[in-house]
């Protein structure tokens, strides 16, 4: 089976780092976390970046910093991982669903701006598959609302600082382009918010102080146990050496698919985007479930990756009846393997299977 996702690891480097951590007598948040923060910030061009235990924690912390809580609203997209919107509810805020672009799956900026009220504290946009949300355009449409970028798909995507969210949340979960087995990061727009987030990721206590008993420190704001640890960070430090080549392969594979599948009927291809990380290559077909079964029978794993969140029972209280872009995108999107692990023969096999699908009667629709 040609895999849709695969865990990448610099095994030799990770084992060397892990040996150093495990033999040091200290496995918590330490020097490898600090090194990982510095190296990732430098790689991505961010001034301030905090390593956390997950992207979910990053989103929840960003929402807290934005003032999301009981009695407030957060405008968000249903086209994302469940974690994005669970974080809103965990903070006590109300979800207000915004529509998405039916072709890209990214936030519909006009609809998101229309949904803003005096109770709105943040708008969350997800960089679907690695294609960046145009936060610079959204910023012109709304004022006084924090723009949070869920960049879980977008490590390595290219965008100017003013085109990104006010706060950016990255994922280093196992199958991401850069992984620490599990983890995340938060980028903040100011030194003051960075410092506040740094304290809140560990109960509001300052881990850099040398107090014999940290718990005696004064705590002015309740925080969480969101910090990373050196065991996972040491894996991430080793895996940084793989990122450049992995990104290049994802982009090359995406470009090749766009050429090889351009004439295949009944398949809607994603729009070209040289700035995308292309963590996903999302096509649209008549029936994703039938397509998934067909491709599996031909040795190729495909998947929509995420289900539309607004239909989950846990979000029943926030349901909306008019999300035409979500209906169109979620009803037809599915992802084919695009990752760094693909061989040329595997890419050919994926294209051959898609061509076979397009010849089936059930493949026909107005793509």
Protein backbone atom coordinates (compact mmCIF):
# COMPACT_ATOMS: atom_id res chain seq x y z
CA UNK A 1 0.00 0.00 0.00
CA UNK A 2 1.35 3.41 -0.97
CA UNK A 3 1.07 5.42 2.24
CA UNK A 4 -0.72 8.76 2.56
CA UNK A 5 1.31 9.68 5.66
CA UNK A 6 4.62 8.51 7.02
CA UNK A 7 6.74 9.36 10.06
CA UNK A 8 10.11 10.80 9.10
CA UNK A 9 13.06 10.62 11.47
CA UNK A 10 16.79 11.19 11.47
CA UNK A 11 17.21 8.00 13.46
CA UNK A 12 20.96 8.19 14.10
CA UNK A 13 20.83 11.83 15.17
CA UNK A 14 17.74 11.27 17.32
CA UNK A 15 19.32 8.29 19.10
CA UNK A 16 22.48 10.29 19.81
CA UNK A 17 20.45 13.16 21.25
CA UNK A 18 18.20 10.84 23.23
CA UNK A 19 21.21 9.11 24.76
CA UNK A 20 22.50 12.50 25.91
CA UNK A 21 19.13 13.39 27.45
CA UNK A 22 18.44 10.07 29.12
CA UNK A 23 21.92 9.81 30.60
CA UNK A 24 21.88 13.41 31.88
CA UNK A 25 19.46 12.73 34.72
CA UNK A 26 17.14 15.49 33.44
CA UNK A 27 14.40 14.86 30.86
CA UNK A 28 12.10 17.87 31.38
CA UNK A 29 12.08 21.26 29.68
CA UNK A 30 15.75 22.10 29.29
CA UNK A 31 18.55 22.82 26.86
CA UNK A 32 17.15 20.79 23.95
CA UNK A 33 13.85 22.69 24.19
CA UNK A 34 15.79 25.95 24.15
CA UNK A 35 17.86 24.83 21.17
CA UNK A 36 14.79 23.65 19.27
CA UNK A 37 13.04 26.98 19.85
CA UNK A 38 16.04 28.93 18.59
CA UNK A 39 16.64 26.74 15.53
CA UNK A 40 13.00 26.62 14.42
CA UNK A 41 12.57 30.37 14.92
CA UNK A 42 15.67 31.02 12.82
CA UNK A 43 14.56 28.58 10.11
CA UNK A 44 11.13 30.19 9.81
CA UNK A 45 12.22 33.77 10.35
CA UNK A 46 10.25 34.35 13.56
CA UNK A 47 11.53 36.57 16.37
CA UNK A 48 9.61 34.82 19.12
CA UNK A 49 8.65 31.13 19.26
CA UNK A 50 7.70 28.90 22.18
CA UNK A 51 7.90 25.11 22.05
CA UNK A 52 4.81 23.45 23.57
CA UNK A 53 3.59 19.90 24.05
CA UNK A 54 1.10 20.08 21.14
CA UNK A 55 -0.43 22.36 18.54
CA UNK A 56 -3.71 21.96 20.44
CA UNK A 57 -2.08 23.57 23.48
CA UNK A 58 -0.74 26.31 21.24
CA UNK A 59 -4.21 27.13 19.92
CA UNK A 60 -5.76 27.03 23.38
CA UNK A 61 -3.05 29.34 24.74
CA UNK A 62 -3.38 31.72 21.79
CA UNK A 63 -7.14 31.93 22.35
CA UNK A 64 -6.58 32.69 26.03
CA UNK A 65 -4.14 35.46 25.14
CA UNK A 66 -6.74 36.85 22.72
CA UNK A 67 -9.29 37.07 25.54
CA UNK A 68 -11.54 34.20 24.41
CA UNK A 69 -13.65 32.93 27.29
CA UNK A 70 -17.22 32.67 28.58
CA UNK A 71 -19.51 35.23 26.95
CA UNK A 72 -17.21 35.72 23.94
CA UNK A 73 -17.18 34.37 20.40
CA UNK A 74 -14.50 32.98 18.09
CA UNK A 75 -15.08 32.85 14.33
CA UNK A 76 -13.62 29.62 12.99
CA UNK A 77 -13.66 27.16 10.13
CA UNK A 78 -15.26 23.69 10.25
CA UNK A 79 -12.68 22.42 7.73
CA UNK A 80 -9.91 21.41 10.09
CA UNK A 81 -8.77 18.95 12.71
CA UNK A 82 -11.12 18.53 15.67
CA UNK A 83 -8.43 20.03 17.90
CA UNK A 84 -8.81 23.51 16.40
CA UNK A 85 -12.38 23.97 17.54
CA UNK A 86 -12.20 21.85 20.69
CA UNK A 87 -9.77 24.49 21.95
CA UNK A 88 -12.42 27.18 21.57
CA UNK A 89 -14.90 25.22 23.67
CA UNK A 90 -12.19 24.38 26.22
CA UNK A 91 -11.71 28.13 26.71
CA UNK A 92 -15.43 28.59 27.29
CA UNK A 93 -16.09 30.63 24.15
CA UNK A 94 -18.78 30.17 21.51
CA UNK A 95 -17.89 28.93 18.02
CA UNK A 96 -19.26 30.97 15.11
CA UNK A 97 -18.75 29.03 11.89
CA UNK A 98 -17.40 30.85 8.86
CA UNK A 99 -17.60 29.47 5.35
CA UNK A 100 -14.60 28.38 3.28
CA UNK A 101 -13.52 28.76 -0.30
CA UNK A 102 -15.04 25.81 -2.14
CA UNK A 103 -11.85 25.22 -4.14
CA UNK A 104 -9.08 25.67 -1.55
CA UNK A 105 -10.81 24.87 1.75
CA UNK A 106 -9.31 28.02 3.28
CA UNK A 107 -11.34 30.56 5.23
CA UNK A 108 -13.79 32.69 3.24
CA UNK A 109 -12.47 36.08 4.31
CA UNK A 110 -15.62 38.03 3.51
CA UNK A 111 -17.85 35.60 5.38
CA UNK A 112 -15.49 35.56 8.37
CA UNK A 113 -15.55 39.36 8.51
CA UNK A 114 -19.37 39.38 8.31
CA UNK A 115 -19.58 37.05 11.31
CA UNK A 116 -17.65 39.43 13.62
CA UNK A 117 -19.66 41.04 16.44
CA UNK A 118 -18.81 43.02 19.57
CA UNK A 119 -18.37 39.65 21.32
CA UNK A 120 -15.75 38.35 18.85
CA UNK A 121 -12.29 38.02 20.31
CA UNK A 122 -10.54 36.03 17.59
CA UNK A 123 -10.79 34.58 14.11
CA UNK A 124 -9.06 31.26 13.43
CA UNK A 125 -7.93 30.45 9.91
CA UNK A 126 -6.40 27.11 8.93
CA UNK A 127 -3.73 26.88 6.21
CA UNK A 128 -5.31 23.87 4.54
CA UNK A 129 -2.70 21.52 3.11
CA UNK A 130 -0.06 24.25 3.45
CA UNK A 131 -1.77 27.00 1.40
CA UNK A 132 -1.59 30.13 3.54
CA UNK A 133 -4.71 32.05 4.53
CA UNK A 134 -4.46 35.67 3.36
CA UNK A 135 -4.46 37.24 6.81
CA UNK A 136 -3.22 40.53 5.35
CA UNK A 137 -6.48 40.85 3.43
CA UNK A 138 -8.54 39.78 6.44
CA UNK A 139 -6.75 42.38 8.57
CA UNK A 140 -8.11 45.10 6.27
CA UNK A 141 -11.66 43.87 6.82
CA UNK A 142 -11.71 43.62 10.62
CA UNK A 143 -10.33 45.67 13.51
CA UNK A 144 -9.80 44.85 17.17
CA UNK A 145 -9.95 41.09 16.66
CA UNK A 146 -6.97 38.76 17.08
CA UNK A 147 -6.19 36.69 13.98
CA UNK A 148 -4.97 33.21 14.92
CA UNK A 149 -3.29 31.11 12.26
CA UNK A 150 -3.58 27.36 12.64
CA UNK A 151 -0.46 26.45 10.67
CA UNK A 152 -0.49 22.75 11.55
CA UNK A 153 -0.29 21.93 7.81
CA UNK A 154 1.99 24.79 6.90
CA UNK A 155 5.46 24.27 8.35
CA UNK A 156 7.76 25.71 5.71
CA UNK A 157 5.07 27.53 3.74
CA UNK A 158 6.37 30.88 2.54
CA UNK A 159 4.69 34.14 3.48
CA UNK A 160 5.69 37.65 4.50
CA UNK A 161 5.22 38.47 8.18
CA UNK A 162 2.37 40.91 7.49
CA UNK A 163 0.49 38.21 5.56
CA UNK A 164 0.48 35.82 8.53
CA UNK A 165 -1.75 35.66 11.61
CA UNK A 166 -1.21 37.78 14.71
CA UNK A 167 -0.40 34.50 16.44
CA UNK A 168 0.78 31.38 14.62
CA UNK A 169 0.31 27.83 15.89
CA UNK A 170 2.53 25.07 14.50
CA UNK A 171 2.30 21.30 14.87
CA UNK A 172 5.20 18.87 15.30
CA UNK A 173 2.95 15.83 15.59
CA UNK A 174 4.33 12.54 14.27
CA UNK A 175 3.31 12.79 10.60
CA UNK A 176 4.11 16.46 10.08
CA UNK A 177 7.00 17.69 7.90
CA UNK A 178 8.97 18.38 11.07
CA UNK A 179 8.08 16.18 14.02
CA UNK A 180 9.14 15.83 17.63
CA UNK A 181 6.94 12.69 17.94
CA UNK A 182 4.38 15.15 19.30
CA UNK A 183 4.57 18.85 20.01
CA UNK A 184 3.68 22.32 18.86
CA UNK A 185 4.81 25.93 18.88
CA UNK A 186 3.31 29.36 19.40
CA UNK A 187 4.52 32.53 17.72
CA UNK A 188 3.36 35.81 19.26
CA UNK A 189 3.43 39.37 17.87
CA UNK A 190 5.01 41.11 20.87
CA UNK A 191 7.59 40.55 23.58
CA UNK A 192 4.94 41.13 26.24
CA UNK A 193 2.64 38.39 24.91
CA UNK A 194 5.61 36.08 24.44
CA UNK A 195 6.62 36.51 28.07
CA UNK A 196 3.07 36.00 29.28
CA UNK A 197 2.75 32.83 27.18
CA UNK A 198 6.12 31.59 28.41
CA UNK A 199 4.88 31.70 31.99
CA UNK A 200 1.42 30.34 31.25
CA UNK A 201 2.77 27.23 29.53
CA UNK A 202 3.90 26.02 32.98
CA UNK A 203 1.22 27.04 35.48
CA UNK A 204 2.32 30.70 35.48
CA UNK A 205 5.67 29.86 37.05
CA UNK A 206 9.03 30.96 35.70
CA UNK A 207 11.20 27.90 35.05
CA UNK A 208 14.27 30.04 34.34
CA UNK A 209 14.52 31.19 37.95
CA UNK A 210 16.94 29.33 40.18
CA UNK A 211 14.71 29.27 43.25
CA UNK A 212 15.14 26.05 45.18
CA UNK A 213 11.36 25.93 45.52
CA UNK A 214 9.74 27.39 42.38
CA UNK A 215 6.27 26.95 43.82
CA UNK A 216 6.94 29.85 46.21
CA UNK A 217 6.99 32.26 43.27
CA UNK A 218 4.06 34.70 43.09
CA UNK A 219 1.57 33.56 40.41
CA UNK A 220 -0.65 36.31 39.01
CA UNK A 221 -2.41 34.27 36.28
CA UNK A 222 -3.43 30.62 36.21
CA UNK A 223 -1.66 28.65 33.50
CA UNK A 224 -1.42 25.09 32.21
CA UNK A 225 1.03 22.23 31.84
CA UNK A 226 1.71 22.96 28.18
CA UNK A 227 5.52 22.93 28.13
CA UNK A 228 7.59 20.59 25.98
CA UNK A 229 10.35 18.32 27.25
CA UNK A 230 13.91 17.51 26.23
CA UNK A 231 13.09 13.92 25.23
CA UNK A 232 10.82 15.09 22.42
CA UNK A 233 12.76 18.26 21.62
CA UNK A 234 15.94 16.23 21.13
CA UNK A 235 14.17 14.24 18.40
CA UNK A 236 13.05 17.49 16.79
CA UNK A 237 16.57 18.91 16.87
CA UNK A 238 17.78 15.88 14.93
CA UNK A 239 14.89 16.01 12.46
CA UNK A 240 15.57 19.63 11.52
CA UNK A 241 18.24 18.35 9.16
CA UNK A 242 15.55 16.62 7.07
CA UNK A 243 13.19 19.56 6.59
CA UNK A 244 14.70 21.27 3.55
CA UNK A 245 14.83 18.09 1.47
CA UNK A 246 11.38 16.94 2.62
CA UNK A 247 9.80 20.26 1.68
CA UNK A 248 11.46 20.15 -1.72
CA UNK A 249 10.12 16.66 -2.39
CA UNK A 250 6.57 17.59 -1.34
CA UNK A 251 6.65 20.59 -3.68
CA UNK A 252 8.15 18.58 -6.54
CA UNK A 253 5.54 15.85 -6.15
CA UNK A 254 2.71 18.39 -6.09
CA UNK A 255 4.00 20.07 -9.25
CA UNK A 256 4.32 16.69 -10.94
CA UNK A 257 0.74 15.72 -10.06
CA UNK A 258 -0.55 19.03 -11.37
CA UNK A 259 1.05 18.25 -14.72
CA UNK A 260 0.34 14.49 -14.86
CA UNK A 261 -3.32 14.78 -13.84
CA UNK A 262 -4.19 17.98 -15.70
CA UNK A 263 -6.06 16.20 -18.49
CA UNK A 264 -7.81 13.58 -16.36
CA UNK A 265 -11.60 14.12 -16.47
CA UNK A 266 -13.83 14.33 -13.40
CA UNK A 267 -10.92 15.32 -11.13
CA UNK A 268 -10.66 18.84 -9.75
CA UNK A 269 -7.03 19.70 -9.01
CA UNK A 270 -5.80 22.26 -6.47
CA UNK A 271 -4.67 25.63 -7.77
CA UNK A 272 -0.89 26.08 -8.18
CA UNK A 273 0.84 27.63 -5.16
CA UNK A 274 4.66 27.69 -5.07
CA UNK A 275 4.58 29.11 -1.51
CA UNK A 276 2.68 26.14 -0.06
CA UNK A 277 4.40 23.38 1.91
CA UNK A 278 2.06 20.95 0.10
CA UNK A 279 1.71 18.82 3.20
CA UNK A 280 -1.50 17.64 1.54
CA UNK A 281 -2.35 17.39 -2.14
CA UNK A 282 -6.12 17.78 -2.08
CA UNK A 283 -8.16 16.86 -5.12
CA UNK A 284 -11.94 16.87 -5.47
CA UNK A 285 -13.91 13.95 -6.81
CA UNK A 286 -17.55 12.94 -7.20
CA UNK A 287 -17.65 10.63 -4.18
CA UNK A 288 -14.67 10.63 -1.79
CA UNK A 289 -15.79 7.48 0.05
CA UNK A 290 -16.14 5.47 -3.16
CA UNK A 291 -12.83 6.91 -4.40
CA UNK A 292 -11.10 5.86 -1.17
CA UNK A 293 -12.36 2.29 -1.55
CA UNK A 294 -11.36 2.18 -5.21
CA UNK A 295 -7.86 3.53 -4.58
CA UNK A 296 -7.27 1.14 -1.67
CA UNK A 297 -8.14 -1.76 -3.97
CA UNK A 298 -5.41 -0.45 -6.29
CA UNK A 299 -2.82 -0.16 -3.54
CA UNK A 300 -3.05 3.55 -2.76
CA UNK A 301 -4.09 5.03 0.57
CA UNK A 302 -6.16 8.23 0.29
CA UNK A 303 -8.28 10.12 2.81
CA UNK A 304 -10.10 13.41 3.43
CA UNK A 305 -7.70 13.76 6.43
CA UNK A 306 -10.31 15.64 8.51
CA UNK A 307 -14.11 15.62 8.80
CA UNK A 308 -16.06 18.87 8.83
CA UNK A 309 -16.29 19.87 12.47
CA UNK A 310 -19.71 21.51 12.47
CA UNK A 311 -21.42 18.11 12.22
CA UNK A 312 -19.86 16.69 15.37
CA UNK A 313 -22.35 16.14 18.18
CA UNK A 314 -20.08 17.96 20.63
CA UNK A 315 -20.54 21.15 18.58
CA UNK A 316 -24.31 20.82 18.15
CA UNK A 317 -24.97 24.11 19.95
CA UNK A 318 -23.06 26.04 17.30
CA UNK A 319 -24.55 24.58 14.12
CA UNK A 320 -25.14 26.79 11.10
CA UNK A 321 -27.38 26.07 8.14
CA UNK A 322 -25.66 28.14 5.42
CA UNK A 323 -22.10 27.09 4.67
CA UNK A 324 -22.20 26.48 0.95
CA UNK A 325 -18.43 26.50 0.50
CA UNK A 326 -18.02 23.94 3.28
CA UNK A 327 -20.74 21.78 1.72
CA UNK A 328 -18.94 21.81 -1.63
CA UNK A 329 -15.38 21.41 -0.39
CA UNK A 330 -16.00 18.86 2.39
CA UNK A 331 -18.38 16.92 0.16
CA UNK A 332 -15.76 16.30 -2.51
CA UNK A 333 -12.23 16.72 -1.12
CA UNK A 334 -9.81 13.84 -0.69
CA UNK A 335 -6.01 13.67 -0.44
CA UNK A 336 -3.60 11.56 -2.45
CA UNK A 337 -0.03 10.73 -1.32
CA UNK A 338 2.36 13.63 -1.97
CA UNK A 339 5.04 13.06 0.67
CA UNK A 340 8.81 12.91 0.71
CA UNK A 341 8.79 9.09 0.78
CA UNK A 342 7.25 8.59 -2.67
CA UNK A 343 9.37 6.98 -5.36
CA UNK A 344 8.89 7.81 -9.03
CA UNK A 345 7.23 4.44 -9.60
CA UNK A 346 4.84 5.07 -6.71
CA UNK A 347 3.88 8.46 -8.14
CA UNK A 348 3.20 6.74 -11.46
CA UNK A 349 1.06 4.15 -9.68
CA UNK A 350 -0.99 6.88 -7.97
CA UNK A 351 -1.61 8.64 -11.29
CA UNK A 352 -2.50 5.36 -13.01
CA UNK A 353 -5.05 4.54 -10.29
CA UNK A 354 -6.61 8.03 -10.51
CA UNK A 355 -6.90 7.62 -14.30
CA UNK A 356 -8.62 4.26 -13.81
CA UNK A 357 -11.04 5.87 -11.36
CA UNK A 358 -11.93 8.59 -13.85
CA UNK A 359 -13.08 5.90 -16.30
CA UNK A 360 -15.63 4.51 -13.82
CA UNK A 361 -19.28 5.57 -14.22
CA UNK A 362 -19.44 6.70 -10.57
CA UNK A 363 -16.56 9.13 -11.16
CA UNK A 364 -18.65 11.39 -13.38
CA UNK A 365 -19.64 14.80 -12.07
CA UNK A 366 -19.28 18.46 -12.94
CA UNK A 367 -15.76 19.00 -11.64
